[in-house]
PDB file of all heavy atoms in Angstrom:
ATOM      1  N   ASP A   1       9.088   5.463  -1.911  1.00  0.00           N
ATOM      2  CA  ASP A   1       8.412   4.669  -0.904  1.00  0.00           C
ATOM      3  C   ASP A   1       7.796   3.364  -1.557  1.00  0.00           C
ATOM      4  O   ASP A   1       7.187   2.560  -0.845  1.00  0.00           O
ATOM      5  CB  ASP A   1       7.273   5.420  -0.214  1.00  0.00           C
ATOM      6  CG  ASP A   1       7.847   6.490   0.691  1.00  0.00           C
ATOM      7  OD1 ASP A   1       8.980   6.429   1.102  1.00  0.00           O
ATOM      8  OD2 ASP A   1       7.068   7.437   1.050  1.00  0.00           O
ATOM      9  N   ASP A   2       8.057   3.165  -2.880  1.00  0.00           N
ATOM     10  CA  ASP A   2       7.500   1.978  -3.514  1.00  0.00           C
ATOM     11  C   ASP A   2       7.953   0.604  -2.914  1.00  0.00           C
ATOM     12  O   ASP A   2       7.220  -0.348  -2.995  1.00  0.00           O
ATOM     13  CB  ASP A   2       7.682   2.009  -5.025  1.00  0.00           C
ATOM     14  CG  ASP A   2       9.015   1.597  -5.414  1.00  0.00           C
ATOM     15  OD1 ASP A   2       9.988   2.391  -5.081  1.00  0.00           O
ATOM     16  OD2 ASP A   2       9.223   0.579  -5.980  1.00  0.00           O
ATOM     17  N   GLY A   3       9.146   0.690  -2.282  1.00  0.00           N
ATOM     18  CA  GLY A   3       9.558  -0.609  -1.591  1.00  0.00           C
ATOM     19  C   GLY A   3       8.701  -0.973  -0.461  1.00  0.00           C
ATOM     20  O   GLY A   3       8.408  -2.122  -0.217  1.00  0.00           O
ATOM     21  N   GLU A   4       8.318  -0.005   0.396  1.00  0.00           N
ATOM     22  CA  GLU A   4       7.306  -0.270   1.466  1.00  0.00           C
ATOM     23  C   GLU A   4       6.035  -0.632   0.844  1.00  0.00           C
ATOM     24  O   GLU A   4       5.414  -1.748   1.327  1.00  0.00           O
ATOM     25  CB  GLU A   4       7.040   1.110   2.262  1.00  0.00           C
ATOM     26  CG  GLU A   4       6.104   0.874   3.437  1.00  0.00           C
ATOM     27  CD  GLU A   4       6.531  -0.063   4.471  1.00  0.00           C
ATOM     28  OE1 GLU A   4       7.512   0.242   5.174  1.00  0.00           O
ATOM     29  OE2 GLU A   4       5.992  -1.121   4.603  1.00  0.00           O
ATOM     30  N   ALA A   5       5.594  -0.071  -0.149  1.00  0.00           N
ATOM     31  CA  ALA A   5       4.242  -0.446  -0.788  1.00  0.00           C
ATOM     32  C   ALA A   5       4.253  -1.903  -1.292  1.00  0.00           C
ATOM     33  O   ALA A   5       3.387  -2.705  -1.124  1.00  0.00           O
ATOM     34  CB  ALA A   5       3.914   0.462  -1.966  1.00  0.00           C
ATOM     35  N   ALA A   6       5.386  -2.328  -1.889  1.00  0.00           N
ATOM     36  CA  ALA A   6       5.526  -3.721  -2.438  1.00  0.00           C
ATOM     37  C   ALA A   6       5.492  -4.694  -1.300  1.00  0.00           C
ATOM     38  O   ALA A   6       4.871  -5.770  -1.385  1.00  0.00           O
ATOM     39  CB  ALA A   6       6.917  -3.809  -3.249  1.00  0.00           C
ATOM     40  N   ILE A   7       6.232  -4.396  -0.224  1.00  0.00           N
ATOM     41  CA  ILE A   7       6.221  -5.332   0.938  1.00  0.00           C
ATOM     42  C   ILE A   7       4.718  -5.459   1.457  1.00  0.00           C
ATOM     43  O   ILE A   7       4.286  -6.591   1.689  1.00  0.00           O
ATOM     44  CB  ILE A   7       7.055  -4.753   2.045  1.00  0.00           C
ATOM     45  CG1 ILE A   7       8.593  -4.836   1.665  1.00  0.00           C
ATOM     46  CG2 ILE A   7       6.832  -5.499   3.385  1.00  0.00           C
ATOM     47  CD1 ILE A   7       9.473  -4.081   2.627  1.00  0.00           C
ATOM     48  N   ASP A   8       4.061  -4.320   1.625  1.00  0.00           N
ATOM     49  CA  ASP A   8       2.752  -4.401   2.180  1.00  0.00           C
ATOM     50  C   ASP A   8       1.774  -5.244   1.315  1.00  0.00           C
ATOM     51  O   ASP A   8       1.092  -6.069   1.909  1.00  0.00           O
ATOM     52  CB  ASP A   8       2.182  -2.984   2.275  1.00  0.00           C
ATOM     53  CG  ASP A   8       3.051  -2.061   3.251  1.00  0.00           C
ATOM     54  OD1 ASP A   8       3.802  -2.662   4.061  1.00  0.00           O
ATOM     55  OD2 ASP A   8       2.861  -0.867   3.245  1.00  0.00           O
ATOM     56  N   VAL A   9       1.726  -4.980   0.027  1.00  0.00           N
ATOM     57  CA  VAL A   9       0.643  -5.674  -0.724  1.00  0.00           C
ATOM     58  C   VAL A   9       1.088  -7.176  -0.994  1.00  0.00           C
ATOM     59  O   VAL A   9       0.180  -7.949  -1.017  1.00  0.00           O
ATOM     60  CB  VAL A   9       0.440  -4.937  -2.090  1.00  0.00           C
ATOM     61  CG1 VAL A   9      -0.028  -3.523  -1.894  1.00  0.00           C
ATOM     62  CG2 VAL A   9       1.669  -4.996  -2.912  1.00  0.00           C
ATOM     63  N   GLU A  10       2.351  -7.444  -0.996  1.00  0.00           N
ATOM     64  CA  GLU A  10       2.718  -8.789  -1.350  1.00  0.00           C
ATOM     65  C   GLU A  10       2.578  -9.671  -0.062  1.00  0.00           C
ATOM     66  O   GLU A  10       2.050 -10.821  -0.042  1.00  0.00           O
ATOM     67  CB  GLU A  10       4.136  -8.878  -1.826  1.00  0.00           C
ATOM     68  CG  GLU A  10       4.300  -8.284  -3.219  1.00  0.00           C
ATOM     69  CD  GLU A  10       5.695  -8.076  -3.674  1.00  0.00           C
ATOM     70  OE1 GLU A  10       6.620  -8.428  -2.887  1.00  0.00           O
ATOM     71  OE2 GLU A  10       5.898  -7.653  -4.817  1.00  0.00           O
ATOM     72  N   VAL A  11       2.985  -9.171   1.047  1.00  0.00           N
ATOM     73  CA  VAL A  11       2.964 -10.024   2.286  1.00  0.00           C
ATOM     74  C   VAL A  11       1.500 -10.166   2.814  1.00  0.00           C
ATOM     75  O   VAL A  11       1.138 -11.149   3.299  1.00  0.00           O
ATOM     76  CB  VAL A  11       3.853  -9.426   3.408  1.00  0.00           C
ATOM     77  CG1 VAL A  11       3.624 -10.158   4.707  1.00  0.00           C
ATOM     78  CG2 VAL A  11       5.322  -9.447   2.999  1.00  0.00           C
ATOM     79  N   ALA A  12       0.658  -9.159   2.642  1.00  0.00           N
ATOM     80  CA  ALA A  12      -0.797  -9.262   2.814  1.00  0.00           C
ATOM     81  C   ALA A  12      -1.340 -10.382   2.088  1.00  0.00           C
ATOM     82  O   ALA A  12      -2.196 -11.209   2.570  1.00  0.00           O
ATOM     83  CB  ALA A  12      -1.493  -7.989   2.624  1.00  0.00           C
ATOM     84  N   SER A  13      -0.963 -10.438   0.840  1.00  0.00           N
ATOM     85  CA  SER A  13      -1.575 -11.469  -0.044  1.00  0.00           C
ATOM     86  C   SER A  13      -0.937 -12.884   0.299  1.00  0.00           C
ATOM     87  O   SER A  13      -1.618 -13.897   0.115  1.00  0.00           O
ATOM     88  CB  SER A  13      -1.204 -11.120  -1.510  1.00  0.00           C
ATOM     89  OG  SER A  13      -1.846 -11.985  -2.369  1.00  0.00           O
ATOM     90  N   SER A  14       0.259 -12.882   0.809  1.00  0.00           N
ATOM     91  CA  SER A  14       0.861 -14.131   1.166  1.00  0.00           C
ATOM     92  C   SER A  14       0.165 -14.893   2.300  1.00  0.00           C
ATOM     93  O   SER A  14       0.155 -16.123   2.366  1.00  0.00           O
ATOM     94  CB  SER A  14       2.323 -13.985   1.536  1.00  0.00           C
ATOM     95  OG  SER A  14       2.490 -13.454   2.827  1.00  0.00           O
ATOM     96  N   VAL A  15      -0.443 -14.083   3.219  1.00  0.00           N
ATOM     97  CA  VAL A  15      -1.137 -14.677   4.426  1.00  0.00           C
ATOM     98  C   VAL A  15      -2.656 -14.901   4.072  1.00  0.00           C
ATOM     99  O   VAL A  15      -3.295 -15.835   4.446  1.00  0.00           O
ATOM    100  CB  VAL A  15      -0.957 -13.712   5.599  1.00  0.00           C
ATOM    101  CG1 VAL A  15      -1.811 -14.351   6.779  1.00  0.00           C
ATOM    102  CG2 VAL A  15       0.541 -13.703   6.032  1.00  0.00           C
ATOM    103  N   ALA A  16      -3.213 -13.887   3.345  1.00  0.00           N
ATOM    104  CA  ALA A  16      -4.604 -13.953   2.975  1.00  0.00           C
ATOM    105  C   ALA A  16      -4.686 -14.043   1.438  1.00  0.00           C
ATOM    106  O   ALA A  16      -5.155 -13.029   0.821  1.00  0.00           O
ATOM    107  CB  ALA A  16      -5.416 -12.830   3.548  1.00  0.00           C
ATOM    108  N   PRO A  17      -4.264 -15.075   0.807  1.00  0.00           N
ATOM    109  CA  PRO A  17      -4.128 -15.121  -0.642  1.00  0.00           C
ATOM    110  C   PRO A  17      -5.398 -15.018  -1.443  1.00  0.00           C
ATOM    111  O   PRO A  17      -5.395 -14.801  -2.618  1.00  0.00           O
ATOM    112  CB  PRO A  17      -3.461 -16.391  -0.908  1.00  0.00           C
ATOM    113  CG  PRO A  17      -3.819 -17.355   0.257  1.00  0.00           C
ATOM    114  CD  PRO A  17      -3.943 -16.368   1.391  1.00  0.00           C
ATOM    115  N   SER A  18      -6.582 -15.207  -0.893  1.00  0.00           N
ATOM    116  CA  SER A  18      -7.846 -15.148  -1.528  1.00  0.00           C
ATOM    117  C   SER A  18      -8.479 -13.718  -1.353  1.00  0.00           C
ATOM    118  O   SER A  18      -9.598 -13.537  -1.839  1.00  0.00           O
ATOM    119  CB  SER A  18      -8.825 -16.221  -1.142  1.00  0.00           C
ATOM    120  OG  SER A  18      -8.288 -17.487  -1.522  1.00  0.00           O
ATOM    121  N   ALA A  19      -7.848 -12.893  -0.596  1.00  0.00           N
ATOM    122  CA  ALA A  19      -8.438 -11.552  -0.281  1.00  0.00           C
ATOM    123  C   ALA A  19      -8.327 -10.626  -1.520  1.00  0.00           C
ATOM    124  O   ALA A  19      -7.431 -10.758  -2.318  1.00  0.00           O
ATOM    125  CB  ALA A  19      -7.821 -10.987   0.923  1.00  0.00           C
ATOM    126  N   ALA A  20      -9.171  -9.631  -1.431  1.00  0.00           N
ATOM    127  CA  ALA A  20      -8.944  -8.497  -2.423  1.00  0.00           C
ATOM    128  C   ALA A  20      -8.014  -7.506  -1.754  1.00  0.00           C
ATOM    129  O   ALA A  20      -8.267  -6.878  -0.705  1.00  0.00           O
ATOM    130  CB  ALA A  20     -10.366  -7.783  -2.626  1.00  0.00           C
ATOM    131  N   ILE A  21      -6.928  -7.324  -2.368  1.00  0.00           N
ATOM    132  CA  ILE A  21      -5.837  -6.420  -1.891  1.00  0.00           C
ATOM    133  C   ILE A  21      -6.032  -5.110  -2.580  1.00  0.00           C
ATOM    134  O   ILE A  21      -5.932  -5.044  -3.815  1.00  0.00           O
ATOM    135  CB  ILE A  21      -4.422  -6.930  -2.165  1.00  0.00           C
ATOM    136  CG1 ILE A  21      -4.299  -8.347  -1.546  1.00  0.00           C
ATOM    137  CG2 ILE A  21      -3.472  -6.042  -1.630  1.00  0.00           C
ATOM    138  CD1 ILE A  21      -4.482  -8.407  -0.049  1.00  0.00           C
ATOM    139  N   GLU A  22      -6.110  -4.043  -1.797  1.00  0.00           N
ATOM    140  CA  GLU A  22      -6.321  -2.616  -2.423  1.00  0.00           C
ATOM    141  C   GLU A  22      -5.141  -1.802  -1.895  1.00  0.00           C
ATOM    142  O   GLU A  22      -5.028  -1.552  -0.742  1.00  0.00           O
ATOM    143  CB  GLU A  22      -7.644  -2.062  -2.040  1.00  0.00           C
ATOM    144  CG  GLU A  22      -8.885  -2.737  -2.648  1.00  0.00           C
ATOM    145  CD  GLU A  22     -10.121  -2.071  -2.227  1.00  0.00           C
ATOM    146  OE1 GLU A  22     -10.091  -1.098  -1.335  1.00  0.00           O
ATOM    147  OE2 GLU A  22     -11.229  -2.448  -2.798  1.00  0.00           O
ATOM    148  N   LEU A  23      -4.321  -1.284  -2.782  1.00  0.00           N
ATOM    149  CA  LEU A  23      -3.368  -0.194  -2.433  1.00  0.00           C
ATOM    150  C   LEU A  23      -4.117   1.064  -2.677  1.00  0.00           C
ATOM    151  O   LEU A  23      -4.660   1.439  -3.690  1.00  0.00           O
ATOM    152  CB  LEU A  23      -2.200  -0.323  -3.367  1.00  0.00           C
ATOM    153  CG  LEU A  23      -1.102   0.809  -3.062  1.00  0.00           C
ATOM    154  CD1 LEU A  23       0.289   0.271  -3.472  1.00  0.00           C
ATOM    155  CD2 LEU A  23      -1.380   2.124  -3.858  1.00  0.00           C
ATOM    156  N   ILE A  24      -4.252   1.871  -1.543  1.00  0.00           N
ATOM    157  CA  ILE A  24      -4.870   3.200  -1.624  1.00  0.00           C
ATOM    158  C   ILE A  24      -3.859   4.249  -1.496  1.00  0.00           C
ATOM    159  O   ILE A  24      -3.013   4.312  -0.542  1.00  0.00           O
ATOM    160  CB  ILE A  24      -6.052   3.404  -0.643  1.00  0.00           C
ATOM    161  CG1 ILE A  24      -5.546   3.346   0.767  1.00  0.00           C
ATOM    162  CG2 ILE A  24      -7.150   2.339  -0.925  1.00  0.00           C
ATOM    163  CD1 ILE A  24      -6.514   3.810   1.770  1.00  0.00           C
ATOM    164  N   SER A  25      -3.723   5.190  -2.490  1.00  0.00           N
ATOM    165  CA  SER A  25      -2.708   6.222  -2.514  1.00  0.00           C
ATOM    166  C   SER A  25      -3.181   7.498  -3.058  1.00  0.00           C
ATOM    167  O   SER A  25      -4.088   7.466  -3.930  1.00  0.00           O
ATOM    168  CB  SER A  25      -1.458   5.740  -3.156  1.00  0.00           C
ATOM    169  OG  SER A  25      -1.760   5.497  -4.535  1.00  0.00           O
ATOM    170  N   CYS A  26      -2.672   8.559  -2.521  1.00  0.00           N
ATOM    171  CA  CYS A  26      -2.928   9.916  -3.055  1.00  0.00           C
ATOM    172  C   CYS A  26      -1.582  10.774  -3.040  1.00  0.00           C
ATOM    173  O   CYS A  26      -0.738  10.409  -2.275  1.00  0.00           O
ATOM    174  CB  CYS A  26      -4.039  10.678  -2.231  1.00  0.00           C
ATOM    175  SG  CYS A  26      -5.649  10.044  -2.200  1.00  0.00           S
ATOM    176  N   ALA A  27      -1.585  11.682  -3.946  1.00  0.00           N
ATOM    177  CA  ALA A  27      -0.426  12.624  -3.987  1.00  0.00           C
ATOM    178  C   ALA A  27      -0.558  13.476  -2.706  1.00  0.00           C
ATOM    179  O   ALA A  27      -1.709  13.860  -2.277  1.00  0.00           O
ATOM    180  CB  ALA A  27      -0.421  13.519  -5.254  1.00  0.00           C
ATOM    181  N   GLY A  28       0.515  13.854  -2.025  1.00  0.00           N
ATOM    182  CA  GLY A  28       0.514  14.625  -0.835  1.00  0.00           C
ATOM    183  C   GLY A  28       0.339  16.075  -1.135  1.00  0.00           C
ATOM    184  O   GLY A  28       0.526  16.550  -2.307  1.00  0.00           O
ATOM    185  N   GLY A  29       0.073  16.905  -0.075  1.00  0.00           N
ATOM    186  CA  GLY A  29       0.107  18.328  -0.189  1.00  0.00           C
ATOM    187  C   GLY A  29       1.327  18.861   0.353  1.00  0.00           C
ATOM    188  O   GLY A  29       2.245  18.135   0.893  1.00  0.00           O
ATOM    189  N   THR A  30       1.491  20.161   0.435  1.00  0.00           N
ATOM    190  CA  THR A  30       2.720  20.760   0.929  1.00  0.00           C
ATOM    191  C   THR A  30       2.986  20.339   2.399  1.00  0.00           C
ATOM    192  O   THR A  30       4.139  20.063   2.755  1.00  0.00           O
ATOM    193  CB  THR A  30       2.604  22.291   0.969  1.00  0.00           C
ATOM    194  OG1 THR A  30       2.205  22.786  -0.422  1.00  0.00           O
ATOM    195  CG2 THR A  30       3.956  23.037   1.263  1.00  0.00           C
ATOM    196  N   VAL A  31       1.966  20.222   3.271  1.00  0.00           N
ATOM    197  CA  VAL A  31       2.195  19.917   4.627  1.00  0.00           C
ATOM    198  C   VAL A  31       1.384  18.659   5.012  1.00  0.00           C
ATOM    199  O   VAL A  31       1.179  18.409   6.257  1.00  0.00           O
ATOM    200  CB  VAL A  31       1.823  21.022   5.526  1.00  0.00           C
ATOM    201  CG1 VAL A  31       2.652  22.270   5.379  1.00  0.00           C
ATOM    202  CG2 VAL A  31       0.297  21.507   5.264  1.00  0.00           C
ATOM    203  N   THR A  32       0.922  17.908   4.035  1.00  0.00           N
ATOM    204  CA  THR A  32       0.092  16.795   4.333  1.00  0.00           C
ATOM    205  C   THR A  32       0.608  15.535   3.576  1.00  0.00           C
ATOM    206  O   THR A  32       0.792  15.581   2.330  1.00  0.00           O
ATOM    207  CB  THR A  32      -1.339  16.973   4.040  1.00  0.00           C
ATOM    208  OG1 THR A  32      -1.781  18.139   4.690  1.00  0.00           O
ATOM    209  CG2 THR A  32      -2.254  15.789   4.426  1.00  0.00           C
ATOM    210  N   PHE A  33       0.851  14.445   4.214  1.00  0.00           N
ATOM    211  CA  PHE A  33       1.254  13.202   3.681  1.00  0.00           C
ATOM    212  C   PHE A  33       0.167  12.580   2.766  1.00  0.00           C
ATOM    213  O   PHE A  33      -1.013  12.545   3.170  1.00  0.00           O
ATOM    214  CB  PHE A  33       1.626  12.280   4.816  1.00  0.00           C
ATOM    215  CG  PHE A  33       2.137  10.907   4.393  1.00  0.00           C
ATOM    216  CD1 PHE A  33       3.322  10.745   3.703  1.00  0.00           C
ATOM    217  CD2 PHE A  33       1.442   9.677   4.728  1.00  0.00           C
ATOM    218  CE1 PHE A  33       3.759   9.470   3.262  1.00  0.00           C
ATOM    219  CE2 PHE A  33       1.810   8.493   4.330  1.00  0.00           C
ATOM    220  CZ  PHE A  33       3.004   8.360   3.599  1.00  0.00           C
ATOM    221  N   GLY A  34       0.569  12.070   1.644  1.00  0.00           N
ATOM    222  CA  GLY A  34      -0.411  11.576   0.692  1.00  0.00           C
ATOM    223  C   GLY A  34      -1.224  10.386   1.262  1.00  0.00           C
ATOM    224  O   GLY A  34      -2.449  10.211   0.972  1.00  0.00           O
ATOM    225  N   GLY A  35      -0.546   9.542   2.074  1.00  0.00           N
ATOM    226  CA  GLY A  35      -1.248   8.496   2.665  1.00  0.00           C
ATOM    227  C   GLY A  35      -2.426   8.824   3.618  1.00  0.00           C
ATOM    228  O   GLY A  35      -3.412   8.216   3.701  1.00  0.00           O
TER     229      GLY A  35
END
């Protein structure tokens, strides 16, 4: 899924270039998505 993550953080920064961009991620569980 790193392609989606790259799109998200880069395009967010392209519109709000002075903002603090935070990628928040966790490892998932058996039945729970990490996001």
